[in-house]
Protein backbone atom coordinates (compact mmCIF):
# COMPACT_ATOMS: atom_id res chain seq x y z
CA UNK A 1 5.61 -6.60 -23.31
CA UNK A 2 4.31 -8.78 -20.48
CA UNK A 3 2.97 -7.28 -17.29
CA UNK A 4 5.88 -8.53 -15.23
CA UNK A 5 8.62 -7.75 -17.73
CA UNK A 6 11.21 -5.38 -16.31
CA UNK A 7 10.15 -6.03 -12.72
CA UNK A 8 12.96 -7.77 -10.87
CA UNK A 9 11.85 -10.80 -8.94
CA UNK A 10 13.12 -9.30 -5.65
CA UNK A 11 12.24 -5.68 -6.40
CA UNK A 12 9.59 -5.32 -3.69
CA UNK A 13 11.77 -6.95 -1.06
CA UNK A 14 14.70 -4.71 -1.96
CA UNK A 15 12.55 -1.58 -1.91
CA UNK A 16 11.06 -2.28 1.52
CA UNK A 17 14.53 -3.00 2.90
CA UNK A 18 16.14 0.09 1.34
CA UNK A 19 13.31 2.51 2.18
CA UNK A 20 13.09 1.32 5.81
CA UNK A 21 16.75 0.53 6.45
CA UNK A 22 16.96 2.43 9.80
CA UNK A 23 14.25 0.16 11.23
CA UNK A 24 16.04 -3.00 10.08
CA UNK A 25 19.43 -1.68 11.22
CA UNK A 26 17.99 -1.00 14.68
CA UNK A 27 16.44 -4.47 14.75
CA UNK A 28 19.77 -6.04 13.73
CA UNK A 29 21.57 -4.10 16.48
CA UNK A 30 18.99 -5.25 19.03
CA UNK A 31 19.24 -8.88 17.92
CA UNK A 32 23.05 -8.78 17.97
CA UNK A 33 23.21 -7.09 21.37
CA UNK A 34 20.62 -9.43 22.88
CA UNK A 35 22.38 -12.51 21.54
CA UNK A 36 25.78 -11.29 22.80
CA UNK A 37 24.45 -10.55 26.29
CA UNK A 38 22.73 -13.94 26.53
CA UNK A 39 25.88 -15.76 25.43
CA UNK A 40 28.47 -13.81 27.39
CA UNK A 41 26.80 -12.62 30.59
CA UNK A 42 25.35 -14.61 33.48
CA UNK A 43 21.89 -13.18 34.09
CA UNK A 44 19.04 -13.81 36.51
CA UNK A 45 16.44 -16.12 34.97
CA UNK A 46 13.75 -13.44 34.64
CA UNK A 47 16.13 -11.05 32.89
CA UNK A 48 17.39 -13.75 30.52
CA UNK A 49 13.80 -14.63 29.61
CA UNK A 50 12.96 -10.95 29.03
CA UNK A 51 15.98 -10.36 26.78
CA UNK A 52 15.33 -13.62 24.94
CA UNK A 53 11.74 -12.57 24.30
CA UNK A 54 12.66 -9.11 23.04
CA UNK A 55 15.40 -10.50 20.82
CA UNK A 56 13.07 -13.16 19.44
CA UNK A 57 10.33 -10.62 18.69
CA UNK A 58 12.78 -8.33 16.90
CA UNK A 59 13.99 -11.25 14.77
CA UNK A 60 10.47 -12.53 14.08
CA UNK A 61 8.91 -9.22 13.02
CA UNK A 62 11.94 -8.20 10.93
CA UNK A 63 11.95 -11.51 9.06
CA UNK A 64 8.15 -11.62 8.71
CA UNK A 65 7.87 -8.09 7.34
CA UNK A 66 10.46 -8.88 4.65
CA UNK A 67 8.77 -12.17 3.84
CA UNK A 68 5.40 -10.44 3.47
CA UNK A 69 6.94 -7.70 1.31
CA UNK A 70 8.40 -10.35 -1.00
CA UNK A 71 5.13 -12.29 -1.05
CA UNK A 72 2.87 -9.30 -1.76
CA UNK A 73 5.07 -7.19 -4.04
CA UNK A 74 7.09 -9.87 -5.85
CA UNK A 75 5.34 -13.25 -5.75
CA UNK A 76 1.64 -12.40 -5.76
CA UNK A 77 -0.52 -11.06 -8.58
CA UNK A 78 -0.67 -7.59 -6.98
CA UNK A 79 1.33 -5.99 -9.79
CA UNK A 80 0.39 -8.27 -12.66
CA UNK A 81 -3.20 -7.07 -12.74
CA UNK A 82 -5.16 -10.23 -13.47
CA UNK A 83 -7.14 -9.68 -10.27
CA UNK A 84 -8.06 -6.19 -11.45
CA UNK A 85 -9.32 -7.27 -14.87
CA UNK A 86 -11.34 -10.11 -13.32
CA UNK A 87 -13.01 -7.77 -10.85
CA UNK A 88 -14.16 -5.11 -13.31
CA UNK A 89 -17.53 -5.29 -15.08
CA UNK A 90 -15.92 -4.03 -18.32
CA UNK A 91 -12.60 -2.67 -19.56
CA UNK A 92 -12.37 1.05 -18.80
CA UNK A 93 -12.23 3.64 -21.55
CA UNK A 94 -10.32 5.95 -19.22
CA UNK A 95 -8.71 5.59 -15.82
CA UNK A 96 -7.04 7.54 -13.02
CA UNK A 97 -4.23 6.21 -10.86
CA UNK A 98 -3.79 7.88 -7.47
CA UNK A 99 -0.64 7.34 -5.42
CA UNK A 100 1.05 8.89 -2.40
CA UNK A 101 4.56 9.51 -3.63
CA UNK A 102 5.55 6.07 -4.93
CA UNK A 103 3.94 5.14 -8.25
CA UNK A 104 3.92 1.36 -8.68
CA UNK A 105 0.61 0.99 -10.54
CA UNK A 106 0.70 3.24 -13.61
CA UNK A 107 2.94 0.89 -15.59
CA UNK A 108 0.59 -2.00 -14.73
CA UNK A 109 -2.47 -0.03 -15.82
CA UNK A 110 -0.76 1.06 -19.05
CA UNK A 111 -0.03 -2.56 -19.87
CA UNK A 112 -3.54 -3.71 -18.98
CA UNK A 113 -5.41 -0.91 -20.74
CA UNK A 114 -3.19 0.44 -23.54
CA UNK A 115 -4.31 3.41 -25.56
CA UNK A 116 -6.92 4.50 -23.00
CA UNK A 117 -7.24 7.96 -21.54
CA UNK A 118 -5.44 8.28 -18.24
CA UNK A 119 -4.42 10.65 -15.46
CA UNK A 120 -1.89 10.13 -12.67
CA UNK A 121 -2.36 12.01 -9.39
CA UNK A 122 0.09 12.31 -6.50
CA UNK A 123 -1.30 12.92 -3.00
CA UNK A 124 2.12 13.27 -1.37
CA UNK A 125 2.34 16.35 0.85
CA UNK A 126 5.62 16.78 2.77
CA UNK A 127 3.84 18.95 5.34
CA UNK A 128 1.57 16.07 6.34
CA UNK A 129 3.60 12.98 5.40
CA UNK A 130 6.66 13.11 7.62
CA UNK A 131 7.82 9.50 7.24
CA UNK A 132 11.48 9.41 6.09
CA UNK A 133 10.81 6.12 4.27
CA UNK A 134 8.47 7.88 1.82
CA UNK A 135 11.05 10.60 1.17
CA UNK A 136 13.67 7.93 0.43
CA UNK A 137 11.21 6.09 -1.83
CA UNK A 138 10.44 9.24 -3.84
CA UNK A 139 14.13 9.96 -4.32
CA UNK A 140 15.03 6.40 -5.31
CA UNK A 141 12.07 5.54 -7.57
CA UNK A 142 11.14 8.36 -9.88
CA UNK A 143 8.23 7.34 -12.07
CA UNK A 144 8.49 7.85 -15.85
CA UNK A 145 4.84 8.94 -15.76
CA UNK A 146 4.36 12.60 -14.79
CA UNK A 147 1.82 13.08 -12.03
CA UNK A 148 -0.34 16.05 -11.11
CA UNK A 149 -0.10 17.22 -7.51
CA UNK A 150 -3.38 16.59 -5.75
CA UNK A 151 -5.08 17.01 -2.40
CA UNK A 152 -7.56 14.46 -1.02
CA UNK A 153 -10.29 17.07 -0.93
CA UNK A 154 -9.53 18.47 -4.42
CA UNK A 155 -8.53 16.05 -7.17
CA UNK A 156 -7.49 18.14 -10.20
CA UNK A 157 -9.55 16.29 -12.82
CA UNK A 158 -13.06 17.01 -14.21
CA UNK A 159 -16.27 15.51 -12.92
CA UNK A 160 -17.10 12.14 -14.48
CA UNK A 161 -13.77 11.94 -16.29
CA UNK A 162 -13.04 8.23 -15.84
CA UNK A 163 -14.50 4.74 -15.68
CA UNK A 164 -11.92 3.52 -13.18
CA UNK A 165 -9.94 5.03 -10.30
CA UNK A 166 -7.20 2.95 -8.66
CA UNK A 167 -5.45 3.44 -5.31
CA UNK A 168 -2.75 0.78 -4.85
CA UNK A 169 -1.18 0.69 -1.37
CA UNK A 170 -1.47 4.48 -1.17
CA UNK A 171 -4.69 5.57 0.56
CA UNK A 172 -3.46 4.69 4.07
CA UNK A 173 -1.11 7.68 3.84
CA UNK A 174 -4.18 9.91 4.18
CA UNK A 175 -4.09 9.88 7.97
CA UNK A 176 -6.95 12.26 8.79
CA UNK A 177 -10.43 10.62 8.85
CA UNK A 178 -12.12 13.74 7.46
CA UNK A 179 -9.68 13.83 4.56
CA UNK A 180 -10.28 10.16 3.83
CA UNK A 181 -13.99 10.92 3.59
CA UNK A 182 -13.23 13.92 1.37
CA UNK A 183 -11.03 11.75 -0.87
CA UNK A 184 -13.80 9.23 -1.46
CA UNK A 185 -16.30 12.02 -2.14
CA UNK A 186 -13.90 13.32 -4.75
CA UNK A 187 -13.59 9.82 -6.20
CA UNK A 188 -17.38 9.70 -6.42
CA UNK A 189 -17.28 13.00 -8.30
CA UNK A 190 -14.68 12.01 -10.90
CA UNK A 191 -15.98 8.50 -11.67
CA UNK A 192 -18.80 8.16 -14.19
CA UNK A 193 -22.04 6.40 -13.16
CA UNK A 194 -21.44 2.66 -13.38
CA UNK A 195 -17.69 3.22 -12.99
CA UNK A 196 -15.41 1.59 -10.44
CA UNK A 197 -13.04 2.56 -7.65
CA UNK A 198 -10.50 -0.09 -6.67
CA UNK A 199 -8.45 0.03 -3.48
CA UNK A 200 -5.57 -2.38 -2.81
CA UNK A 201 -4.37 -2.23 0.80
CA UNK A 202 -2.90 -3.94 3.80
CA UNK A 203 -5.67 -3.92 6.39
CA UNK A 204 -5.27 -3.72 10.15
CA UNK A 205 -6.17 -7.30 11.03
CA UNK A 206 -4.67 -10.34 12.75
CA UNK A 207 -2.64 -11.49 9.73
CA UNK A 208 -1.11 -8.06 9.15
CA UNK A 209 -0.40 -7.66 12.88
CA UNK A 210 1.43 -11.00 12.87
CA UNK A 211 3.52 -9.78 9.94
CA UNK A 212 4.26 -6.18 10.92
CA UNK A 213 3.88 -6.12 14.70
CA UNK A 214 3.30 -2.60 16.08
CA UNK A 215 3.66 -1.18 12.56
CA UNK A 216 0.20 -2.60 11.80
CA UNK A 217 -1.14 0.63 13.32
CA UNK A 218 0.06 2.45 10.20
CA UNK A 219 -2.76 0.74 8.29
CA UNK A 220 -6.53 0.97 8.77
CA UNK A 221 -9.15 -1.73 9.37
CA UNK A 222 -11.21 -2.88 6.42
CA UNK A 223 -14.29 -1.40 8.10
CA UNK A 224 -12.78 2.10 7.79
CA UNK A 225 -12.55 1.79 4.01
CA UNK A 226 -16.09 0.43 3.87
CA UNK A 227 -17.24 3.35 6.00
CA UNK A 228 -15.71 6.14 3.93
CA UNK A 229 -16.88 4.54 0.67
CA UNK A 230 -20.43 4.26 2.01
CA UNK A 231 -20.37 7.89 3.18
CA UNK A 232 -19.36 8.91 -0.36
CA UNK A 233 -22.21 6.90 -1.92
CA UNK A 234 -20.41 3.91 -3.42
CA UNK A 235 -21.76 0.35 -3.49
CA UNK A 236 -19.37 -2.48 -2.60
CA UNK A 237 -19.14 -4.74 -5.64
CA UNK A 238 -16.43 -7.22 -4.73
CA UNK A 239 -13.69 -8.10 -2.26
CA UNK A 240 -10.66 -9.94 -3.62
CA UNK A 241 -7.88 -11.20 -1.32
CA UNK A 242 -4.52 -10.72 -3.04
CA UNK A 243 -2.66 -12.60 -0.29
CA UNK A 244 -3.46 -13.25 3.40
CA UNK A 245 -1.85 -9.84 4.01
CA UNK A 246 -3.39 -7.67 1.26
CA UNK A 247 -6.92 -7.14 -0.01
CA UNK A 248 -8.51 -5.45 -3.02
CA UNK A 249 -11.88 -3.75 -2.60
CA UNK A 250 -14.04 -2.92 -5.63
CA UNK A 251 -16.75 -0.27 -5.41
CA UNK A 252 -19.28 0.79 -8.04
CA UNK A 253 -20.82 4.23 -8.49
CA UNK A 254 -24.59 3.78 -8.90
């Protein structure tokens, strides 16, 4: 089985659209209403410019976010795994995948590292993660790989249990800075000396802001991930851009 087999070519685009449909429906209503007003009503120049600008921004950010979703989740190597294998010093004997309610990486890791020891941990906590899009994602995409419930400050696996821990587009759901620090300290605990932690994320930067508009605030700057990893004791080994809108960071435990 190839790494991309069974993954529809528009799967990522469809998922982003279906999980966030209220946002896109509101944007469509705004675009339709703005266009209708501009075409049917005589407006003062300043008001016409204002409505044109708001309509244009709604169209731009809606289209860009879907384009980026298709680029990152369907067209890039994010879920084929070549970037991961290239960035590791050696193939892991055991690995842990950590997600926040939507498990998109376990099948990739199983294909890359078959027959290795593994654990799958789920950080999703409905008391702290109130986004309806995550609830819809969990209901629509149930992973065939059972996951253990976990908290950032208490990962339910033994010390030094793995050579590799992966967080793919999941760690930004840990919103509290202290809990992000606690998560990376736990990662330091569970990874063996010489082992790796790999984080794939959208970062809060100019490219992501151009793609997602105000929603860029849902992500964190690259410097925040560097900070919490340094606090935990990791050494940065490599940075690998997956696309202009997504980055993979590789850390090594000394």
